[in-house]
Amino acid sequence: MPTVYDFSAPDIDGQSRSLGDFRGQALLIVNVASQCGFTPQYTGLEQLYRDFHSRGFSVLGFPCDQFGHQEPGDEAEIKNFCSLNYDVTFPLFAKIDVNGDRAHPLWKWLKDEKGGLLGIDAIKWNFTKFLVARDGRVLKRYAPTDKPESIAKDIEAALA
């Protein structure tokens, strides 16, 4: 049975990165965008990363331009935006698709593991979040409207 650690993706600098590098950590995997109404969630995501990283937790950000063309920039622009505006230090990956024929295999797997409301698997918008246990299983899926700070208790439980 596959786990999150069986996948890899190019990071924001274009280097292939195995999610196996995060083995043993709890993860919050998020599709992000720079020009979305939910973009200020970067602040909360970064705070979660800083609060829990030393205990074995990472946030993984996957930029996506499939919703309202809200991530139009290239990887260098995205990295610069996140650094300058939100002081993001958690790992960012290259821009990907989360839905459709070109959806990244990781995102196909995440959606298969935890479907959305009414059993609909498709990602509805930017800042959909998946909490992954230390053993690589998907624990929970969160809507874009779920603020990062509201997930802290679930992260605590995943780290316990």
N, C-alpha and C. Protein backbone atom coordinates (compact mmCIF):
# COMPACT_ATOMS: atom_id res chain seq x y z
N MET A 1 0.85 -1.20 0.00
CA MET A 1 0.00 0.00 0.00
C MET A 1 0.89 1.25 0.00
N PRO A 2 0.71 2.13 -0.97
CA PRO A 2 1.58 3.31 -1.05
C PRO A 2 1.39 4.26 0.12
N THR A 3 2.45 4.99 0.42
CA THR A 3 2.39 6.08 1.40
C THR A 3 2.91 7.33 0.71
N VAL A 4 2.82 8.44 1.40
CA VAL A 4 3.31 9.70 0.85
C VAL A 4 4.79 9.62 0.49
N TYR A 5 5.52 8.75 1.19
CA TYR A 5 6.96 8.66 0.98
C TYR A 5 7.34 7.99 -0.33
N ASP A 6 6.37 7.44 -1.05
CA ASP A 6 6.63 6.80 -2.33
C ASP A 6 6.64 7.79 -3.51
N PHE A 7 6.39 9.06 -3.23
CA PHE A 7 6.28 10.06 -4.28
C PHE A 7 7.48 11.00 -4.28
N SER A 8 7.70 11.63 -5.41
CA SER A 8 8.70 12.69 -5.50
C SER A 8 8.14 13.79 -6.40
N ALA A 9 8.75 14.96 -6.30
CA ALA A 9 8.32 16.10 -7.10
C ALA A 9 9.47 17.09 -7.18
N PRO A 10 9.53 17.88 -8.25
CA PRO A 10 10.56 18.91 -8.30
C PRO A 10 10.30 19.99 -7.24
N ASP A 11 11.36 20.41 -6.56
CA ASP A 11 11.18 21.48 -5.60
C ASP A 11 11.16 22.83 -6.32
N ILE A 12 11.01 23.90 -5.57
CA ILE A 12 10.86 25.24 -6.15
C ILE A 12 12.09 25.65 -6.96
N ASP A 13 13.24 25.00 -6.67
CA ASP A 13 14.47 25.29 -7.41
C ASP A 13 14.71 24.32 -8.56
N GLY A 14 13.73 23.44 -8.83
CA GLY A 14 13.81 22.53 -9.96
C GLY A 14 14.55 21.22 -9.69
N GLN A 15 14.93 20.98 -8.44
CA GLN A 15 15.61 19.73 -8.09
C GLN A 15 14.59 18.68 -7.69
N SER A 16 14.76 17.46 -8.19
CA SER A 16 13.85 16.38 -7.81
C SER A 16 13.99 16.13 -6.31
N ARG A 17 12.87 16.03 -5.63
CA ARG A 17 12.88 15.84 -4.17
C ARG A 17 11.95 14.68 -3.83
N SER A 18 12.51 13.67 -3.17
CA SER A 18 11.70 12.54 -2.73
C SER A 18 10.98 12.93 -1.44
N LEU A 19 9.70 12.61 -1.36
CA LEU A 19 9.00 12.84 -0.11
C LEU A 19 9.48 11.87 0.96
N GLY A 20 10.25 10.85 0.53
CA GLY A 20 10.91 9.98 1.49
C GLY A 20 11.88 10.75 2.38
N ASP A 21 12.33 11.93 1.93
CA ASP A 21 13.19 12.79 2.75
C ASP A 21 12.48 13.23 4.03
N PHE A 22 11.16 13.15 4.03
CA PHE A 22 10.36 13.59 5.18
C PHE A 22 9.85 12.40 6.01
N ARG A 23 10.39 11.21 5.75
CA ARG A 23 9.95 10.00 6.45
C ARG A 23 10.02 10.22 7.96
N GLY A 24 8.95 9.80 8.64
CA GLY A 24 8.88 9.93 10.09
C GLY A 24 8.32 11.25 10.58
N GLN A 25 8.08 12.18 9.66
CA GLN A 25 7.49 13.47 10.04
C GLN A 25 6.00 13.46 9.75
N ALA A 26 5.26 14.21 10.53
CA ALA A 26 3.88 14.54 10.17
C ALA A 26 3.97 15.68 9.16
N LEU A 27 3.09 15.67 8.17
CA LEU A 27 3.15 16.66 7.10
C LEU A 27 1.79 17.33 6.89
N LEU A 28 1.82 18.59 6.53
CA LEU A 28 0.64 19.28 6.04
C LEU A 28 0.96 19.68 4.61
N ILE A 29 0.29 19.04 3.65
CA ILE A 29 0.53 19.26 2.23
C ILE A 29 -0.58 20.18 1.71
N VAL A 30 -0.17 21.29 1.07
CA VAL A 30 -1.11 22.35 0.72
C VAL A 30 -0.87 22.81 -0.72
N ASN A 31 -1.95 22.98 -1.49
CA ASN A 31 -1.81 23.64 -2.79
C ASN A 31 -1.97 25.15 -2.56
N VAL A 32 -0.96 25.90 -2.94
CA VAL A 32 -0.89 27.32 -2.61
C VAL A 32 -0.94 28.19 -3.87
N ALA A 33 -1.23 29.47 -3.66
CA ALA A 33 -1.26 30.44 -4.76
C ALA A 33 -0.98 31.83 -4.19
N SER A 34 -0.33 32.66 -4.99
CA SER A 34 0.13 33.98 -4.55
C SER A 34 -0.90 35.09 -4.67
N GLN A 35 -1.94 34.88 -5.48
CA GLN A 35 -2.91 35.96 -5.73
C GLN A 35 -4.33 35.52 -5.41
N CYS A 36 -4.49 34.81 -4.31
CA CYS A 36 -5.77 34.24 -3.90
C CYS A 36 -6.25 34.95 -2.64
N GLY A 37 -7.55 34.96 -2.44
CA GLY A 37 -8.09 35.50 -1.20
C GLY A 37 -7.58 34.77 0.03
N PHE A 38 -7.15 33.52 -0.15
CA PHE A 38 -6.62 32.73 0.97
C PHE A 38 -5.10 32.85 1.12
N THR A 39 -4.45 33.62 0.24
CA THR A 39 -2.99 33.75 0.30
C THR A 39 -2.47 34.15 1.68
N PRO A 40 -3.19 35.00 2.44
CA PRO A 40 -2.69 35.33 3.79
C PRO A 40 -2.54 34.10 4.71
N GLN A 41 -3.09 32.96 4.31
CA GLN A 41 -2.87 31.74 5.11
C GLN A 41 -1.40 31.34 5.14
N TYR A 42 -0.58 31.88 4.24
CA TYR A 42 0.86 31.62 4.32
C TYR A 42 1.39 31.96 5.71
N THR A 43 0.87 33.02 6.32
CA THR A 43 1.31 33.42 7.66
C THR A 43 1.05 32.30 8.66
N GLY A 44 -0.16 31.76 8.65
CA GLY A 44 -0.50 30.68 9.58
C GLY A 44 0.24 29.39 9.28
N LEU A 45 0.44 29.09 8.00
CA LEU A 45 1.19 27.89 7.63
C LEU A 45 2.63 27.99 8.12
N GLU A 46 3.23 29.15 7.93
CA GLU A 46 4.61 29.36 8.39
C GLU A 46 4.68 29.25 9.92
N GLN A 47 3.66 29.77 10.61
CA GLN A 47 3.66 29.69 12.08
C GLN A 47 3.55 28.24 12.53
N LEU A 48 2.71 27.44 11.89
CA LEU A 48 2.62 26.01 12.22
C LEU A 48 3.98 25.34 12.02
N TYR A 49 4.63 25.66 10.90
CA TYR A 49 5.93 25.08 10.60
C TYR A 49 6.93 25.43 11.70
N ARG A 50 6.96 26.69 12.09
CA ARG A 50 7.91 27.12 13.12
C ARG A 50 7.57 26.52 14.48
N ASP A 51 6.30 26.42 14.79
CA ASP A 51 5.87 25.89 16.09
C ASP A 51 6.17 24.40 16.24
N PHE A 52 6.03 23.64 15.17
CA PHE A 52 6.07 22.18 15.29
C PHE A 52 7.25 21.50 14.57
N HIS A 53 8.03 22.24 13.80
CA HIS A 53 9.09 21.62 13.00
C HIS A 53 10.09 20.85 13.87
N SER A 54 10.46 21.41 15.00
CA SER A 54 11.46 20.76 15.85
C SER A 54 10.94 19.45 16.44
N ARG A 55 9.63 19.25 16.38
CA ARG A 55 9.01 18.02 16.90
C ARG A 55 8.75 16.98 15.79
N GLY A 56 9.18 17.30 14.56
CA GLY A 56 9.01 16.34 13.48
C GLY A 56 7.82 16.63 12.59
N PHE A 57 7.65 17.89 12.21
CA PHE A 57 6.52 18.31 11.38
C PHE A 57 7.02 19.22 10.27
N SER A 58 6.46 19.09 9.07
CA SER A 58 6.75 20.01 7.97
C SER A 58 5.47 20.37 7.23
N VAL A 59 5.45 21.58 6.74
CA VAL A 59 4.45 22.03 5.77
C VAL A 59 5.12 21.90 4.41
N LEU A 60 4.42 21.35 3.42
CA LEU A 60 4.91 21.27 2.05
C LEU A 60 3.95 22.05 1.15
N GLY A 61 4.46 23.10 0.52
CA GLY A 61 3.64 23.95 -0.33
C GLY A 61 3.81 23.62 -1.80
N PHE A 62 2.70 23.39 -2.48
CA PHE A 62 2.70 23.07 -3.91
C PHE A 62 1.92 24.14 -4.67
N PRO A 63 2.61 25.12 -5.27
CA PRO A 63 1.92 26.14 -6.05
C PRO A 63 1.11 25.51 -7.19
N CYS A 64 -0.05 26.11 -7.43
CA CYS A 64 -0.97 25.60 -8.46
C CYS A 64 -1.68 26.77 -9.11
N ASP A 65 -1.78 26.74 -10.42
CA ASP A 65 -2.42 27.83 -11.17
C ASP A 65 -3.73 27.39 -11.82
N GLN A 66 -4.39 26.40 -11.23
CA GLN A 66 -5.61 25.87 -11.85
C GLN A 66 -6.89 26.57 -11.40
N PHE A 67 -6.78 27.52 -10.48
CA PHE A 67 -7.98 28.15 -9.94
C PHE A 67 -7.91 29.65 -10.14
N GLY A 68 -8.61 30.14 -11.15
CA GLY A 68 -8.69 31.57 -11.41
C GLY A 68 -7.37 32.22 -11.79
N HIS A 69 -6.40 31.45 -12.30
CA HIS A 69 -5.10 31.97 -12.72
C HIS A 69 -4.47 32.81 -11.60
N GLN A 70 -4.53 32.26 -10.36
CA GLN A 70 -4.07 32.99 -9.19
C GLN A 70 -2.62 32.68 -8.80
N GLU A 71 -1.95 31.87 -9.63
CA GLU A 71 -0.51 31.62 -9.45
C GLU A 71 0.17 31.74 -10.81
N PRO A 72 0.18 32.97 -11.38
CA PRO A 72 0.67 33.15 -12.74
C PRO A 72 2.19 33.13 -12.87
N GLY A 73 2.92 33.37 -11.80
CA GLY A 73 4.36 33.52 -11.89
C GLY A 73 5.10 32.21 -12.09
N ASP A 74 6.39 32.34 -12.40
CA ASP A 74 7.24 31.14 -12.47
C ASP A 74 7.79 30.84 -11.08
N GLU A 75 8.55 29.77 -10.98
CA GLU A 75 9.03 29.33 -9.67
C GLU A 75 9.87 30.39 -8.96
N ALA A 76 10.72 31.09 -9.69
CA ALA A 76 11.55 32.12 -9.07
C ALA A 76 10.68 33.25 -8.50
N GLU A 77 9.65 33.63 -9.25
CA GLU A 77 8.74 34.69 -8.77
C GLU A 77 7.96 34.22 -7.55
N ILE A 78 7.51 32.97 -7.56
CA ILE A 78 6.76 32.41 -6.43
C ILE A 78 7.64 32.38 -5.18
N LYS A 79 8.86 31.87 -5.34
CA LYS A 79 9.79 31.78 -4.21
C LYS A 79 10.06 33.17 -3.63
N ASN A 80 10.31 34.14 -4.50
CA ASN A 80 10.58 35.51 -4.07
C ASN A 80 9.36 36.10 -3.35
N PHE A 81 8.17 35.92 -3.92
CA PHE A 81 6.94 36.42 -3.31
C PHE A 81 6.77 35.86 -1.91
N CYS A 82 6.93 34.54 -1.77
CA CYS A 82 6.71 33.89 -0.47
C CYS A 82 7.73 34.35 0.56
N SER A 83 8.96 34.53 0.13
CA SER A 83 10.02 34.97 1.04
C SER A 83 9.81 36.42 1.47
N LEU A 84 9.58 37.29 0.52
CA LEU A 84 9.46 38.73 0.83
C LEU A 84 8.18 39.07 1.58
N ASN A 85 7.08 38.44 1.20
CA ASN A 85 5.79 38.83 1.78
C ASN A 85 5.39 38.04 3.02
N TYR A 86 5.87 36.79 3.12
CA TYR A 86 5.41 35.94 4.23
C TYR A 86 6.56 35.26 4.97
N ASP A 87 7.80 35.55 4.62
CA ASP A 87 8.98 34.97 5.26
C ASP A 87 8.86 33.44 5.34
N VAL A 88 8.39 32.84 4.24
CA VAL A 88 8.19 31.39 4.20
C VAL A 88 9.54 30.68 4.24
N THR A 89 9.66 29.74 5.18
CA THR A 89 10.86 28.91 5.28
C THR A 89 10.55 27.43 5.09
N PHE A 90 9.26 27.07 5.04
CA PHE A 90 8.92 25.66 4.81
C PHE A 90 9.16 25.32 3.34
N PRO A 91 9.33 24.01 3.04
CA PRO A 91 9.64 23.60 1.67
C PRO A 91 8.53 23.93 0.68
N LEU A 92 8.94 24.52 -0.43
CA LEU A 92 8.04 24.79 -1.56
C LEU A 92 8.48 23.94 -2.74
N PHE A 93 7.52 23.55 -3.53
CA PHE A 93 7.77 22.71 -4.70
C PHE A 93 7.45 23.50 -5.97
N ALA A 94 7.81 22.93 -7.11
CA ALA A 94 7.50 23.55 -8.40
C ALA A 94 5.99 23.55 -8.61
N LYS A 95 5.54 24.45 -9.46
CA LYS A 95 4.12 24.56 -9.78
C LYS A 95 3.62 23.24 -10.39
N ILE A 96 2.46 22.80 -9.92
CA ILE A 96 1.89 21.53 -10.38
C ILE A 96 0.40 21.69 -10.66
N ASP A 97 -0.18 20.67 -11.29
CA ASP A 97 -1.63 20.55 -11.41
C ASP A 97 -2.11 19.58 -10.33
N VAL A 98 -3.25 19.91 -9.73
CA VAL A 98 -3.83 19.03 -8.71
C VAL A 98 -5.08 18.30 -9.22
N ASN A 99 -5.62 18.76 -10.32
CA ASN A 99 -6.81 18.15 -10.94
C ASN A 99 -6.53 17.89 -12.41
N GLY A 100 -7.36 17.02 -12.99
CA GLY A 100 -7.30 16.79 -14.43
C GLY A 100 -6.28 15.74 -14.83
N ASP A 101 -6.14 15.60 -16.15
CA ASP A 101 -5.27 14.58 -16.72
C ASP A 101 -3.81 14.79 -16.36
N ARG A 102 -3.42 16.03 -16.11
CA ARG A 102 -2.02 16.34 -15.80
C ARG A 102 -1.77 16.47 -14.30
N ALA A 103 -2.73 16.07 -13.49
CA ALA A 103 -2.56 16.16 -12.03
C ALA A 103 -1.34 15.34 -11.61
N HIS A 104 -0.56 15.92 -10.71
CA HIS A 104 0.63 15.23 -10.20
C HIS A 104 0.19 13.95 -9.49
N PRO A 105 0.94 12.85 -9.65
CA PRO A 105 0.57 11.58 -9.01
C PRO A 105 0.37 11.69 -7.49
N LEU A 106 1.16 12.52 -6.83
CA LEU A 106 0.97 12.72 -5.39
C LEU A 106 -0.43 13.23 -5.10
N TRP A 107 -0.90 14.19 -5.88
CA TRP A 107 -2.22 14.78 -5.64
C TRP A 107 -3.34 13.83 -6.03
N LYS A 108 -3.12 13.01 -7.05
CA LYS A 108 -4.11 11.97 -7.37
C LYS A 108 -4.26 11.04 -6.17
N TRP A 109 -3.12 10.64 -5.60
CA TRP A 109 -3.12 9.74 -4.45
C TRP A 109 -3.79 10.39 -3.23
N LEU A 110 -3.43 11.64 -2.93
CA LEU A 110 -4.03 12.33 -1.79
C LEU A 110 -5.55 12.37 -1.92
N LYS A 111 -6.04 12.70 -3.11
CA LYS A 111 -7.50 12.78 -3.33
C LYS A 111 -8.15 11.41 -3.20
N ASP A 112 -7.47 10.36 -3.66
CA ASP A 112 -8.00 9.00 -3.52
C ASP A 112 -8.08 8.59 -2.05
N GLU A 113 -7.10 9.02 -1.27
CA GLU A 113 -7.04 8.65 0.14
C GLU A 113 -8.10 9.36 0.98
N LYS A 114 -8.34 10.64 0.68
CA LYS A 114 -9.32 11.43 1.44
C LYS A 114 -10.11 12.29 0.47
N GLY A 115 -11.28 11.81 0.12
CA GLY A 115 -12.15 12.57 -0.77
C GLY A 115 -12.72 13.79 -0.08
N GLY A 116 -13.26 14.66 -0.87
CA GLY A 116 -13.84 15.89 -0.33
C GLY A 116 -15.29 15.69 0.07
N LEU A 117 -15.97 16.78 0.29
CA LEU A 117 -17.37 16.75 0.67
C LEU A 117 -18.21 16.03 -0.38
N LEU A 118 -19.19 15.30 0.07
CA LEU A 118 -20.11 14.57 -0.80
C LEU A 118 -19.39 13.54 -1.66
N GLY A 119 -18.20 13.12 -1.21
CA GLY A 119 -17.46 12.10 -1.93
C GLY A 119 -16.81 12.58 -3.21
N ILE A 120 -16.77 13.88 -3.41
CA ILE A 120 -16.15 14.44 -4.61
C ILE A 120 -14.66 14.61 -4.34
N ASP A 121 -13.84 13.97 -5.17
CA ASP A 121 -12.40 13.98 -4.93
C ASP A 121 -11.70 15.25 -5.39
N ALA A 122 -12.22 15.90 -6.42
CA ALA A 122 -11.52 17.05 -7.01
C ALA A 122 -11.20 18.11 -5.97
N ILE A 123 -10.03 18.71 -6.12
CA ILE A 123 -9.65 19.86 -5.30
C ILE A 123 -10.50 21.03 -5.80
N LYS A 124 -11.16 21.72 -4.89
CA LYS A 124 -12.09 22.78 -5.26
C LYS A 124 -11.41 24.14 -5.42
N TRP A 125 -10.33 24.38 -4.65
CA TRP A 125 -9.71 25.70 -4.70
C TRP A 125 -8.33 25.64 -4.05
N ASN A 126 -7.61 26.75 -4.16
CA ASN A 126 -6.30 26.88 -3.52
C ASN A 126 -6.42 26.70 -2.00
N PHE A 127 -5.34 26.27 -1.40
CA PHE A 127 -5.20 26.11 0.04
C PHE A 127 -6.07 24.98 0.61
N THR A 128 -6.31 23.95 -0.21
CA THR A 128 -6.82 22.68 0.32
C THR A 128 -5.62 22.02 0.99
N LYS A 129 -5.88 21.42 2.15
CA LYS A 129 -4.78 20.89 2.97
C LYS A 129 -5.01 19.43 3.31
N PHE A 130 -3.91 18.66 3.33
CA PHE A 130 -3.95 17.26 3.74
C PHE A 130 -2.96 17.05 4.87
N LEU A 131 -3.45 16.51 6.00
CA LEU A 131 -2.58 16.17 7.11
C LEU A 131 -2.18 14.71 6.98
N VAL A 132 -0.86 14.46 7.01
CA VAL A 132 -0.30 13.13 6.83
C VAL A 132 0.40 12.71 8.11
N ALA A 133 0.13 11.48 8.55
CA ALA A 133 0.74 10.94 9.76
C ALA A 133 2.21 10.63 9.54
N ARG A 134 2.92 10.40 10.64
CA ARG A 134 4.35 10.07 10.57
C ARG A 134 4.61 8.80 9.75
N ASP A 135 3.61 7.91 9.66
CA ASP A 135 3.79 6.67 8.89
C ASP A 135 3.43 6.83 7.41
N GLY A 136 3.10 8.06 7.00
CA GLY A 136 2.84 8.34 5.59
C GLY A 136 1.40 8.19 5.15
N ARG A 137 0.49 7.86 6.09
CA ARG A 137 -0.94 7.74 5.77
C ARG A 137 -1.61 9.11 5.86
N VAL A 138 -2.61 9.34 5.01
CA VAL A 138 -3.37 10.59 5.08
C VAL A 138 -4.38 10.48 6.22
N LEU A 139 -4.31 11.44 7.13
CA LEU A 139 -5.21 11.46 8.28
C LEU A 139 -6.48 12.25 7.99
N LYS A 140 -6.33 13.41 7.35
CA LYS A 140 -7.48 14.30 7.23
C LYS A 140 -7.27 15.26 6.07
N ARG A 141 -8.39 15.67 5.49
CA ARG A 141 -8.40 16.68 4.43
C ARG A 141 -9.14 17.90 4.96
N TYR A 142 -8.60 19.09 4.66
CA TYR A 142 -9.20 20.34 5.13
C TYR A 142 -9.55 21.22 3.94
N ALA A 143 -10.64 21.94 4.08
CA ALA A 143 -11.10 22.86 3.05
C ALA A 143 -10.21 24.11 3.02
N PRO A 144 -10.22 24.83 1.90
CA PRO A 144 -9.48 26.08 1.82
C PRO A 144 -9.87 27.08 2.93
N THR A 145 -11.11 27.03 3.35
CA THR A 145 -11.59 27.95 4.39
C THR A 145 -11.09 27.58 5.79
N ASP A 146 -10.57 26.36 5.97
CA ASP A 146 -10.02 25.98 7.27
C ASP A 146 -8.69 26.70 7.48
N LYS A 147 -8.66 27.57 8.48
CA LYS A 147 -7.46 28.35 8.74
C LYS A 147 -6.38 27.46 9.36
N PRO A 148 -5.12 27.70 9.02
CA PRO A 148 -4.03 26.87 9.56
C PRO A 148 -4.06 26.74 11.09
N GLU A 149 -4.34 27.83 11.78
CA GLU A 149 -4.33 27.77 13.25
C GLU A 149 -5.39 26.81 13.80
N SER A 150 -6.44 26.57 13.03
CA SER A 150 -7.49 25.65 13.48
C SER A 150 -7.04 24.19 13.38
N ILE A 151 -5.92 23.94 12.72
CA ILE A 151 -5.41 22.59 12.49
C ILE A 151 -4.38 22.19 13.56
N ALA A 152 -3.96 23.14 14.37
CA ALA A 152 -2.90 22.89 15.36
C ALA A 152 -3.19 21.70 16.27
N LYS A 153 -4.43 21.56 16.72
CA LYS A 153 -4.76 20.43 17.62
C LYS A 153 -4.58 19.09 16.91
N ASP A 154 -4.95 19.04 15.63
CA ASP A 154 -4.79 17.80 14.87
C ASP A 154 -3.31 17.49 14.66
N ILE A 155 -2.50 18.52 14.47
CA ILE A 155 -1.05 18.33 14.33
C ILE A 155 -0.48 17.81 15.64
N GLU A 156 -0.91 18.40 16.75
CA GLU A 156 -0.47 17.91 18.08
C GLU A 156 -0.75 16.42 18.21
N ALA A 157 -1.96 16.02 17.83
CA ALA A 157 -2.35 14.60 17.94
C ALA A 157 -1.48 13.73 17.03
N ALA A 158 -1.20 14.22 15.82
CA ALA A 158 -0.39 13.45 14.88
C ALA A 158 1.05 13.30 15.36
N LEU A 159 1.52 14.24 16.16
CA LEU A 159 2.88 14.20 16.67
C LEU A 159 2.99 13.42 17.99
N ALA A 160 1.86 13.18 18.63
CA ALA A 160 1.88 12.51 19.95
C ALA A 160 2.38 11.07 19.84
